Amino acid sequence: FALLLVGLLLRVWLATTQSAWIDEAYSLQTMARLPLSAIAHAVQVQDVHPPLYYQILHLWLMVVGFGVFQARPLSVLAGVAIIPVLYALAARLTDRRTAIGAALLLTFSPIAVWYADEARMYALTGLCGLLAVLCFCLAAQEGGSRWRWWVGYAVAAALAVSFDSSGLYLPLAANLYYVHRVARRSASIGPWLASNALALALSIPAVQVIRAQVANNLSTVEWIGAPTFGTVWKALLTMLCMNADLMAVGLIFALLAIPAAIALGRSFAGEDRTDESVFLVLITVTPILAPLALGALTGHPIFLFRTAQTAVYGLLILFSRGLLLLLRYRATAGLLACVAVGALYFSSLHAAASYTLKEDWRGLDASLARQEGAAGVIAVDPCW
């Protein structure tokens, strides 16, 4: 409860310090103002996202009023709700102490806070994707009433894909894990196939929109360059800490990755929770490798930091294991790592609150108000 309260206060505080940027303005001005019945068609001809977020935003704003600060609570609430979901998943895959550590890291994670403060679909995509993985994990366990979890997985996976096409990556990771289990003849196929059929049926409206977007060549985004090792590495570092010196973040990343890899290796070597470790690796690497593979197959790069950011959940669980291993066997090094992560998080969040990387529309508005009546011309870039 304490982490939920702190996470809520932190996200609400930062949500009120940032101006709306171009994508948020697009969510409100271009999409949410449309009639509800027109949104699905509009995204087919001028967007790369499914319509569900815009439709929910439209209904939400009808209730709370129009404005960026009225729109952001949708993402804030989703960002806070991810914390207990990650805790529950980490507790299933590892242990309670690791789960607490992962939830603590997520509470203050700059990237999690950043996307929880945007009037965009990414926080809701992450929440539904992680819920799908949690339900899948519960359903795949032996014994108990599993059908409700299979249905929960199908609904959550369909919602994730309906918010953004990158919502496919975490359910894909869960299915790759199940293929691994089926190959070992340690899982039944029937409920798994039925749940995926249900997820596909529920996703049909979103899939139809995505097909139309591809047909209209909207899936080809000119400003997305071909991924390189450098861009992928930078994306990984940004998942740990945004708005910080990349060299410092890289050192901390290595400091956490090494003990995390050791802890993972011990799980595989001792066959201690091997299945859970496979699951954890897949939900970490699939959101990174899947867009790289799809881009290579289609010839159109689609790898972006924000579409691969669901990998952060697996990374935080791994880093929590690494920190606990350091604290157990090298207490001084573990404390130094905790202090370093805390310092990076603080500097990143302070930077987000102190200055904006988004367009400063409020500052522009104030500047124009001060110059009211003065002779001059206001130039607007027609491309934006």
Protein backbone atom coordinates (compact mmCIF):
# COMPACT_ATOMS: atom_id res chain seq x y z
CA PHE A 1 0.00 0.00 0.00
CA ALA A 2 2.84 2.39 0.82
CA LEU A 3 4.42 1.88 -2.61
CA LEU A 4 1.06 2.47 -4.30
CA LEU A 5 0.58 5.72 -2.41
CA VAL A 6 4.11 6.94 -3.14
CA GLY A 7 3.79 5.89 -6.79
CA LEU A 8 0.49 7.75 -7.11
CA LEU A 9 1.79 10.94 -5.49
CA LEU A 10 4.96 10.91 -7.60
CA ARG A 11 3.06 10.43 -10.86
CA VAL A 12 0.41 13.02 -10.02
CA TRP A 13 3.11 15.53 -9.07
CA LEU A 14 5.06 15.12 -12.30
CA ALA A 15 1.90 15.00 -14.41
CA THR A 16 1.18 18.56 -13.33
CA THR A 17 4.66 19.90 -14.17
CA GLN A 18 4.89 18.94 -17.85
CA SER A 19 3.34 20.82 -20.73
CA ALA A 20 1.49 18.85 -23.38
CA TRP A 21 3.74 17.77 -26.21
CA ILE A 22 2.87 17.16 -29.84
CA ASP A 23 1.63 13.57 -29.42
CA GLU A 24 -0.56 14.47 -26.46
CA ALA A 25 -1.94 17.45 -28.37
CA TYR A 26 -2.72 15.03 -31.21
CA SER A 27 -4.57 12.71 -28.79
CA LEU A 28 -6.75 15.56 -27.56
CA GLN A 29 -7.15 17.95 -30.47
CA THR A 30 -7.17 15.58 -33.43
CA MET A 31 -8.67 12.35 -32.09
CA ALA A 32 -10.59 12.88 -28.85
CA ARG A 33 -12.60 15.76 -30.34
CA LEU A 34 -13.93 13.54 -33.13
CA PRO A 35 -17.35 11.89 -32.79
CA LEU A 36 -16.94 8.49 -31.17
CA SER A 37 -18.18 6.71 -34.29
CA ALA A 38 -15.59 8.48 -36.49
CA ILE A 39 -12.46 7.61 -34.52
CA ALA A 40 -12.06 4.06 -35.87
CA HIS A 41 -12.11 5.34 -39.46
CA ALA A 42 -9.82 8.28 -38.68
CA VAL A 43 -7.00 6.12 -37.34
CA GLN A 44 -7.12 3.99 -40.49
CA VAL A 45 -6.15 6.94 -42.66
CA GLN A 46 -3.92 9.07 -40.45
CA ASP A 47 -2.52 7.09 -37.50
CA VAL A 48 -0.41 4.04 -36.63
CA HIS A 49 -2.31 3.06 -33.47
CA PRO A 50 -5.56 1.15 -32.93
CA PRO A 51 -8.55 3.30 -31.92
CA LEU A 52 -9.35 1.94 -28.44
CA TYR A 53 -7.31 4.48 -26.45
CA TYR A 54 -8.78 7.42 -28.34
CA GLN A 55 -12.29 6.05 -27.90
CA ILE A 56 -11.84 5.62 -24.15
CA LEU A 57 -10.21 9.06 -23.93
CA HIS A 58 -13.19 10.57 -25.76
CA LEU A 59 -15.63 9.05 -23.23
CA TRP A 60 -13.39 9.97 -20.29
CA LEU A 61 -13.18 13.62 -21.34
CA MET A 62 -16.95 13.76 -21.74
CA VAL A 63 -17.16 13.02 -18.01
CA VAL A 64 -14.24 15.00 -16.54
CA GLY A 65 -13.98 17.88 -19.03
CA PHE A 66 -11.55 18.69 -21.81
CA GLY A 67 -7.87 19.43 -21.20
CA VAL A 68 -4.46 17.82 -20.91
CA PHE A 69 -4.58 17.61 -17.11
CA GLN A 70 -8.01 16.04 -17.33
CA ALA A 71 -6.71 13.48 -19.85
CA ARG A 72 -3.57 12.37 -18.02
CA PRO A 73 -5.24 10.63 -15.02
CA LEU A 74 -6.11 7.70 -17.31
CA SER A 75 -2.40 7.00 -17.75
CA VAL A 76 -1.57 7.88 -14.13
CA LEU A 77 -4.04 5.31 -12.79
CA ALA A 78 -2.76 2.67 -15.22
CA GLY A 79 0.85 3.44 -14.24
CA VAL A 80 0.04 3.02 -10.55
CA ALA A 81 -1.92 -0.21 -11.16
CA ILE A 82 1.13 -1.76 -12.86
CA ILE A 83 3.00 -1.77 -9.52
CA PRO A 84 0.94 -4.49 -7.75
CA VAL A 85 0.67 -6.48 -11.00
CA LEU A 86 4.46 -6.55 -11.33
CA TYR A 87 4.75 -7.52 -7.67
CA ALA A 88 2.35 -10.45 -8.14
CA LEU A 89 4.16 -11.63 -11.29
CA ALA A 90 7.62 -11.35 -9.71
CA ALA A 91 6.41 -13.25 -6.63
CA ARG A 92 5.22 -16.07 -8.89
CA LEU A 93 8.42 -16.20 -10.93
CA THR A 94 10.94 -15.65 -8.11
CA ASP A 95 10.26 -14.95 -4.43
CA ARG A 96 8.66 -12.33 -2.22
CA ARG A 97 11.83 -10.33 -1.54
CA THR A 98 12.62 -10.05 -5.23
CA ALA A 99 9.02 -9.04 -5.88
CA ILE A 100 9.21 -6.24 -3.29
CA GLY A 101 12.48 -5.04 -4.84
CA ALA A 102 11.01 -5.05 -8.35
CA ALA A 103 7.91 -3.15 -7.19
CA LEU A 104 10.13 -0.62 -5.40
CA LEU A 105 12.23 -0.09 -8.54
CA LEU A 106 9.09 0.31 -10.66
CA THR A 107 7.58 2.84 -8.24
CA PHE A 108 10.48 5.23 -8.83
CA SER A 109 11.43 4.10 -12.34
CA PRO A 110 11.81 7.24 -14.50
CA ILE A 111 10.53 5.52 -17.63
CA ALA A 112 7.48 4.16 -15.79
CA VAL A 113 6.73 7.60 -14.37
CA TRP A 114 7.30 9.24 -17.76
CA TYR A 115 4.75 7.13 -19.62
CA ALA A 116 2.30 7.24 -16.71
CA ASP A 117 2.21 11.02 -17.13
CA GLU A 118 1.39 11.10 -20.85
CA ALA A 119 -2.04 11.37 -22.43
CA ARG A 120 -1.08 8.46 -24.66
CA MET A 121 -1.76 4.74 -24.77
CA TYR A 122 1.55 3.32 -23.54
CA ALA A 123 0.77 2.99 -19.81
CA LEU A 124 -2.51 1.19 -20.55
CA THR A 125 -0.72 -1.03 -23.06
CA GLY A 126 1.87 -1.97 -20.44
CA LEU A 127 -0.77 -2.64 -17.79
CA CYS A 128 -2.85 -4.93 -20.01
CA GLY A 129 0.23 -6.70 -21.38
CA LEU A 130 1.55 -7.39 -17.89
CA LEU A 131 -1.90 -8.52 -16.72
CA ALA A 132 -2.00 -10.93 -19.65
CA VAL A 133 1.38 -12.36 -18.64
CA LEU A 134 0.30 -12.70 -14.99
CA CYS A 135 -2.94 -14.48 -15.93
CA PHE A 136 -1.02 -16.72 -18.33
CA CYS A 137 1.45 -17.60 -15.58
CA LEU A 138 -1.36 -18.47 -13.18
CA ALA A 139 -3.22 -20.47 -15.84
CA ALA A 140 -0.12 -22.46 -16.77
CA GLN A 141 0.41 -23.68 -13.24
CA GLU A 142 -0.70 -27.18 -12.40
CA GLY A 143 -3.83 -27.65 -10.30
CA GLY A 144 -6.49 -25.19 -9.27
CA SER A 145 -9.23 -23.52 -11.29
CA ARG A 146 -7.42 -22.41 -14.41
CA TRP A 147 -10.14 -21.50 -16.90
CA ARG A 148 -10.77 -18.12 -15.32
CA TRP A 149 -7.07 -17.32 -15.74
CA TRP A 150 -7.07 -18.43 -19.37
CA VAL A 151 -10.06 -16.17 -20.02
CA GLY A 152 -8.36 -13.35 -18.10
CA TYR A 153 -5.27 -13.80 -20.27
CA ALA A 154 -7.33 -13.67 -23.47
CA VAL A 155 -9.18 -10.49 -22.47
CA ALA A 156 -6.04 -8.70 -21.24
CA ALA A 157 -4.01 -9.70 -24.32
CA ALA A 158 -6.77 -8.48 -26.65
CA LEU A 159 -6.94 -5.16 -24.78
CA ALA A 160 -3.15 -4.74 -24.95
CA VAL A 161 -3.14 -5.20 -28.72
CA SER A 162 -6.19 -2.95 -29.06
CA PHE A 163 -4.36 -0.13 -27.27
CA ASP A 164 -1.17 -0.45 -29.32
CA SER A 165 0.32 -3.04 -31.65
CA SER A 166 3.35 -3.29 -29.33
CA GLY A 167 0.93 -4.82 -26.82
CA LEU A 168 1.48 -8.07 -28.72
CA TYR A 169 5.03 -8.54 -27.42
CA LEU A 170 4.37 -9.66 -23.83
CA PRO A 171 1.60 -12.15 -24.78
CA LEU A 172 3.94 -13.42 -27.50
CA ALA A 173 6.62 -14.03 -24.86
CA ALA A 174 4.14 -15.97 -22.73
CA ASN A 175 3.19 -18.16 -25.71
CA LEU A 176 6.83 -18.83 -26.56
CA TYR A 177 7.24 -20.06 -23.00
CA TYR A 178 4.26 -22.37 -23.40
CA VAL A 179 5.69 -23.76 -26.64
CA HIS A 180 8.80 -24.59 -24.60
CA ARG A 181 6.62 -26.45 -22.10
CA VAL A 182 4.63 -28.26 -24.80
CA ALA A 183 7.90 -29.37 -26.40
CA ARG A 184 8.83 -30.92 -23.06
CA ARG A 185 5.37 -32.54 -22.87
CA SER A 186 4.70 -30.80 -19.55
CA ALA A 187 1.62 -28.83 -20.59
CA SER A 188 -1.80 -29.46 -22.14
CA ILE A 189 -2.58 -27.87 -25.48
CA GLY A 190 -6.39 -27.54 -25.42
CA PRO A 191 -6.91 -24.64 -22.95
CA TRP A 192 -3.92 -22.80 -24.40
CA LEU A 193 -5.25 -22.96 -27.97
CA ALA A 194 -8.78 -22.06 -26.85
CA SER A 195 -7.57 -18.99 -24.91
CA ASN A 196 -5.55 -17.75 -27.87
CA ALA A 197 -8.53 -18.27 -30.16
CA LEU A 198 -10.61 -16.14 -27.78
CA ALA A 199 -7.88 -13.47 -27.66
CA LEU A 200 -7.75 -13.41 -31.47
CA ALA A 201 -11.53 -13.13 -31.74
CA LEU A 202 -11.59 -10.23 -29.28
CA SER A 203 -8.76 -8.53 -31.19
CA ILE A 204 -10.48 -8.66 -34.60
CA PRO A 205 -11.54 -4.96 -34.59
CA ALA A 206 -7.98 -3.85 -33.80
CA VAL A 207 -6.49 -6.28 -36.33
CA GLN A 208 -8.79 -4.95 -39.05
CA VAL A 209 -7.68 -1.39 -38.31
CA ILE A 210 -4.00 -2.40 -38.35
CA ARG A 211 -4.51 -4.13 -41.71
CA ALA A 212 -6.08 -0.96 -43.11
CA GLN A 213 -3.18 1.11 -41.79
CA VAL A 214 -0.70 -1.22 -43.46
CA ALA A 215 -2.69 -1.03 -46.71
CA ASN A 216 -2.59 2.77 -46.49
CA ASN A 217 1.18 2.61 -45.98
CA LEU A 218 0.84 4.17 -42.52
CA SER A 219 3.00 1.45 -40.98
CA THR A 220 6.02 2.94 -42.76
CA VAL A 221 7.26 5.79 -40.58
CA GLU A 222 9.97 7.76 -42.35
CA TRP A 223 11.64 9.15 -39.25
CA ILE A 224 12.29 5.70 -37.74
CA GLY A 225 15.82 4.80 -38.81
CA ALA A 226 17.28 1.33 -39.20
CA PRO A 227 18.25 0.02 -35.75
CA THR A 228 21.90 -0.35 -34.85
CA PHE A 229 23.66 -1.84 -31.88
CA GLY A 230 24.05 1.70 -30.57
CA THR A 231 20.35 2.52 -30.75
CA VAL A 232 19.34 -0.76 -29.11
CA TRP A 233 21.94 -0.29 -26.36
CA LYS A 234 20.73 3.26 -25.77
CA ALA A 235 17.15 1.97 -25.54
CA LEU A 236 18.21 -0.54 -22.88
CA LEU A 237 19.97 2.15 -20.87
CA THR A 238 16.97 4.46 -21.15
CA MET A 239 14.77 1.71 -19.72
CA LEU A 240 16.91 1.88 -16.59
CA CYS A 241 17.08 5.65 -16.36
CA MET A 242 15.95 8.51 -18.60
CA ASN A 243 17.42 12.02 -18.73
CA ALA A 244 20.76 10.91 -17.27
CA ASP A 245 24.36 10.60 -18.43
CA LEU A 246 24.49 7.46 -20.58
CA MET A 247 27.98 6.50 -19.44
CA ALA A 248 26.93 6.56 -15.79
CA VAL A 249 23.77 4.61 -16.62
CA GLY A 250 25.85 2.07 -18.57
CA LEU A 251 28.11 1.46 -15.57
CA ILE A 252 25.11 0.94 -13.29
CA PHE A 253 23.47 -1.28 -15.91
CA ALA A 254 26.58 -3.50 -15.98
CA LEU A 255 26.79 -3.51 -12.18
CA LEU A 256 23.22 -4.80 -11.99
CA ALA A 257 23.33 -7.07 -15.04
CA ILE A 258 26.30 -9.14 -13.87
CA PRO A 259 24.80 -10.37 -10.56
CA ALA A 260 21.41 -10.72 -12.26
CA ALA A 261 23.00 -13.02 -14.86
CA ILE A 262 24.73 -14.97 -12.10
CA ALA A 263 21.44 -15.42 -10.22
CA LEU A 264 19.79 -16.52 -13.44
CA GLY A 265 22.60 -18.96 -14.18
CA ARG A 266 22.28 -20.48 -10.73
CA SER A 267 18.59 -21.08 -11.36
CA PHE A 268 19.33 -22.94 -14.60
CA ALA A 269 22.32 -24.86 -13.25
CA GLY A 270 20.53 -26.07 -10.14
CA GLU A 271 17.20 -26.57 -11.95
CA ASP A 272 15.75 -24.31 -9.28
CA ARG A 273 12.58 -22.81 -10.79
CA THR A 274 13.97 -23.32 -14.29
CA ASP A 275 10.58 -22.86 -15.98
CA GLU A 276 10.06 -19.58 -14.15
CA SER A 277 13.51 -18.38 -15.23
CA VAL A 278 12.75 -19.22 -18.87
CA PHE A 279 9.51 -17.26 -18.57
CA LEU A 280 11.36 -14.29 -17.06
CA VAL A 281 14.00 -14.24 -19.80
CA LEU A 282 11.34 -14.37 -22.52
CA ILE A 283 9.27 -11.48 -21.17
CA THR A 284 12.50 -9.45 -21.00
CA VAL A 285 13.98 -10.10 -24.43
CA THR A 286 10.87 -10.56 -26.60
CA PRO A 287 9.75 -6.88 -26.52
CA ILE A 288 13.23 -5.99 -27.81
CA LEU A 289 13.83 -8.79 -30.32
CA ALA A 290 10.30 -8.95 -31.77
CA PRO A 291 10.24 -5.44 -33.31
CA LEU A 292 13.80 -5.93 -34.55
CA ALA A 293 12.79 -9.18 -36.25
CA LEU A 294 9.56 -7.76 -37.70
CA GLY A 295 11.41 -4.74 -39.06
CA ALA A 296 14.02 -6.97 -40.68
CA LEU A 297 11.36 -9.24 -42.24
CA THR A 298 9.21 -6.42 -43.63
CA GLY A 299 12.05 -4.08 -44.61
CA HIS A 300 10.40 -1.27 -42.61
CA PRO A 301 12.14 -0.45 -39.30
CA ILE A 302 9.68 -0.34 -36.40
CA PHE A 303 12.04 -0.56 -33.41
CA LEU A 304 11.47 2.39 -31.12
CA PHE A 305 12.30 2.82 -27.48
CA ARG A 306 8.70 3.52 -26.54
CA THR A 307 7.34 0.46 -28.36
CA ALA A 308 9.94 -1.80 -26.72
CA GLN A 309 9.54 -0.27 -23.25
CA THR A 310 7.48 -3.20 -21.92
CA ALA A 311 10.82 -5.02 -21.58
CA VAL A 312 11.42 -2.86 -18.51
CA TYR A 313 9.22 -5.11 -16.35
CA GLY A 314 11.39 -8.18 -16.84
CA LEU A 315 14.53 -6.08 -16.51
CA LEU A 316 13.43 -4.72 -13.13
CA ILE A 317 12.74 -8.23 -11.82
CA LEU A 318 16.20 -9.34 -12.98
CA PHE A 319 17.86 -6.26 -11.50
CA SER A 320 16.05 -6.83 -8.20
CA ARG A 321 17.48 -10.38 -8.11
CA GLY A 322 20.91 -9.00 -8.89
CA LEU A 323 20.76 -6.41 -6.11
CA LEU A 324 19.61 -8.98 -3.57
CA LEU A 325 22.44 -11.31 -4.60
CA LEU A 326 24.96 -8.49 -4.18
CA LEU A 327 23.55 -7.56 -0.78
CA ARG A 328 23.73 -11.17 0.33
CA TYR A 329 27.30 -11.95 -0.70
CA ARG A 330 28.91 -8.52 -1.17
CA ALA A 331 27.03 -6.22 1.16
CA THR A 332 29.20 -3.17 0.51
CA ALA A 333 28.92 -3.53 -3.27
CA GLY A 334 25.19 -4.09 -2.94
CA LEU A 335 24.73 -0.93 -0.86
CA LEU A 336 26.80 1.06 -3.35
CA ALA A 337 24.64 -0.27 -6.19
CA CYS A 338 21.46 0.71 -4.33
CA VAL A 339 22.83 4.21 -3.69
CA ALA A 340 23.89 4.56 -7.34
CA VAL A 341 20.47 3.50 -8.64
CA GLY A 342 18.78 5.84 -6.18
CA ALA A 343 20.98 8.73 -7.28
CA LEU A 344 20.28 8.06 -10.95
CA TYR A 345 16.55 7.84 -10.34
CA PHE A 346 16.57 11.06 -8.34
CA SER A 347 18.57 12.97 -10.94
CA SER A 348 16.32 11.72 -13.74
CA LEU A 349 13.08 12.59 -11.95
CA HIS A 350 14.49 15.95 -10.86
CA ALA A 351 15.39 16.72 -14.48
CA ALA A 352 11.88 15.80 -15.60
CA ALA A 353 10.37 18.12 -12.99
CA SER A 354 12.87 20.98 -13.43
CA TYR A 355 12.85 21.32 -17.19
CA THR A 356 10.83 19.81 -19.98
CA LEU A 357 11.90 17.70 -22.91
CA LYS A 358 8.42 18.18 -24.32
CA GLU A 359 7.22 21.25 -26.14
CA ASP A 360 6.68 24.07 -23.65
CA TRP A 361 3.25 25.17 -24.83
CA ARG A 362 2.40 26.78 -21.51
CA GLY A 363 5.59 28.84 -21.65
CA LEU A 364 4.77 29.89 -25.21
CA ASP A 365 1.26 30.86 -24.17
CA ALA A 366 2.59 33.00 -21.32
CA SER A 367 5.13 34.64 -23.63
CA LEU A 368 2.44 35.54 -26.18
CA ALA A 369 0.21 36.89 -23.42
CA ARG A 370 3.00 39.23 -22.28
CA GLN A 371 3.41 40.51 -25.84
CA GLU A 372 -0.29 41.04 -26.47
CA GLY A 373 -0.84 44.07 -28.62
CA ALA A 374 2.77 44.28 -29.81
CA ALA A 375 3.38 44.42 -33.54
CA GLY A 376 4.80 41.20 -34.97
CA VAL A 377 4.18 37.94 -36.75
CA ILE A 378 3.68 34.46 -35.30
CA ALA A 379 5.15 31.78 -37.58
CA VAL A 380 3.83 28.22 -37.38
CA ASP A 381 5.71 25.28 -38.88
CA PRO A 382 3.11 23.60 -41.15
CA CYS A 383 4.84 20.22 -40.80
CA TRP A 384 3.94 20.12 -37.09
